[in-house]
């Protein structure tokens, strides 16, 4: 993998931003591929055994996937 990708993966973005800010950053940087990038980061954090970061990235994914779409009512 390219060195820049490794540095990006190891960046503690999730420690500096809230999920809403991170979703805007990811959407602006990756466009339509933002969801895939966020899921990849969640997967890598899971492999690194970092549950707090996994929860963060999954929350970001939830925000990305629901942006612009009304959420379904539970039940």
Protein backbone atom coordinates (compact mmCIF):
# COMPACT_ATOMS: atom_id res chain seq x y z
CA UNK A 1 0.00 0.00 0.00
CA UNK A 2 1.17 3.54 -0.63
CA UNK A 3 2.82 5.22 2.34
CA UNK A 4 0.34 8.12 2.20
CA UNK A 5 -2.55 5.67 2.64
CA UNK A 6 -0.87 4.10 5.66
CA UNK A 7 -0.41 7.54 7.23
CA UNK A 8 -4.04 8.39 6.48
CA UNK A 9 -5.23 5.18 8.11
CA UNK A 10 -3.20 5.82 11.23
CA UNK A 11 -4.32 9.45 11.53
CA UNK A 12 -6.41 9.97 14.64
CA UNK A 13 -9.06 11.96 12.80
CA UNK A 14 -11.71 10.30 14.92
CA UNK A 15 -10.14 11.74 18.07
CA UNK A 16 -10.25 15.34 16.79
CA UNK A 17 -13.69 15.56 15.15
CA UNK A 18 -17.23 14.67 16.06
CA UNK A 19 -19.02 12.25 13.69
CA UNK A 20 -20.96 15.06 12.00
CA UNK A 21 -17.81 16.98 11.16
CA UNK A 22 -16.04 13.82 10.04
CA UNK A 23 -18.93 12.89 7.72
CA UNK A 24 -18.68 16.32 6.05
CA UNK A 25 -14.90 15.99 5.70
CA UNK A 26 -15.17 12.50 4.23
CA UNK A 27 -17.98 13.46 1.83
CA UNK A 28 -15.97 16.47 0.67
CA UNK A 29 -12.81 14.43 0.20
CA UNK A 30 -14.18 11.18 -1.23
CA UNK A 31 -17.51 12.17 -2.76
CA UNK A 32 -19.60 9.13 -3.68
CA UNK A 33 -16.87 6.84 -2.32
CA UNK A 34 -17.05 8.29 1.19
CA UNK A 35 -19.19 5.48 2.56
CA UNK A 36 -16.79 2.83 1.30
CA UNK A 37 -13.81 4.72 2.72
CA UNK A 38 -15.50 5.03 6.12
CA UNK A 39 -16.37 1.33 6.20
CA UNK A 40 -12.79 0.48 5.27
CA UNK A 41 -11.55 2.61 8.16
CA UNK A 42 -13.99 0.89 10.53
CA UNK A 43 -12.79 -2.50 9.32
CA UNK A 44 -9.12 -1.58 9.77
CA UNK A 45 -9.79 -0.24 13.26
CA UNK A 46 -11.54 -3.51 14.10
CA UNK A 47 -8.47 -5.42 12.94
CA UNK A 48 -6.36 -3.10 15.12
CA UNK A 49 -8.72 -3.88 18.04
CA UNK A 50 -9.78 -0.30 18.60
CA UNK A 51 -13.51 -0.49 19.46
CA UNK A 52 -13.89 3.23 20.18
CA UNK A 53 -12.66 4.08 16.69
CA UNK A 54 -14.88 1.39 15.14
CA UNK A 55 -17.94 2.90 16.83
CA UNK A 56 -16.91 6.36 15.64
CA UNK A 57 -16.52 5.30 11.99
CA UNK A 58 -19.78 3.36 12.02
CA UNK A 59 -21.55 6.45 13.37
CA UNK A 60 -19.97 8.48 10.55
CA UNK A 61 -21.21 5.87 8.06
CA UNK A 62 -24.70 6.09 9.54
CA UNK A 63 -24.69 9.86 9.08
CA UNK A 64 -23.39 9.57 5.51
CA UNK A 65 -25.92 6.92 4.52
CA UNK A 66 -28.87 8.82 5.98
CA UNK A 67 -27.90 12.31 4.79
CA UNK A 68 -30.51 13.74 2.49
CA UNK A 69 -32.87 10.83 3.08
CA UNK A 70 -35.62 10.66 5.68
CA UNK A 71 -35.09 7.88 8.17
CA UNK A 72 -37.63 5.11 8.39
CA UNK A 73 -39.78 5.02 11.47
CA UNK A 74 -38.90 2.16 13.83
CA UNK A 75 -41.16 -0.84 13.82
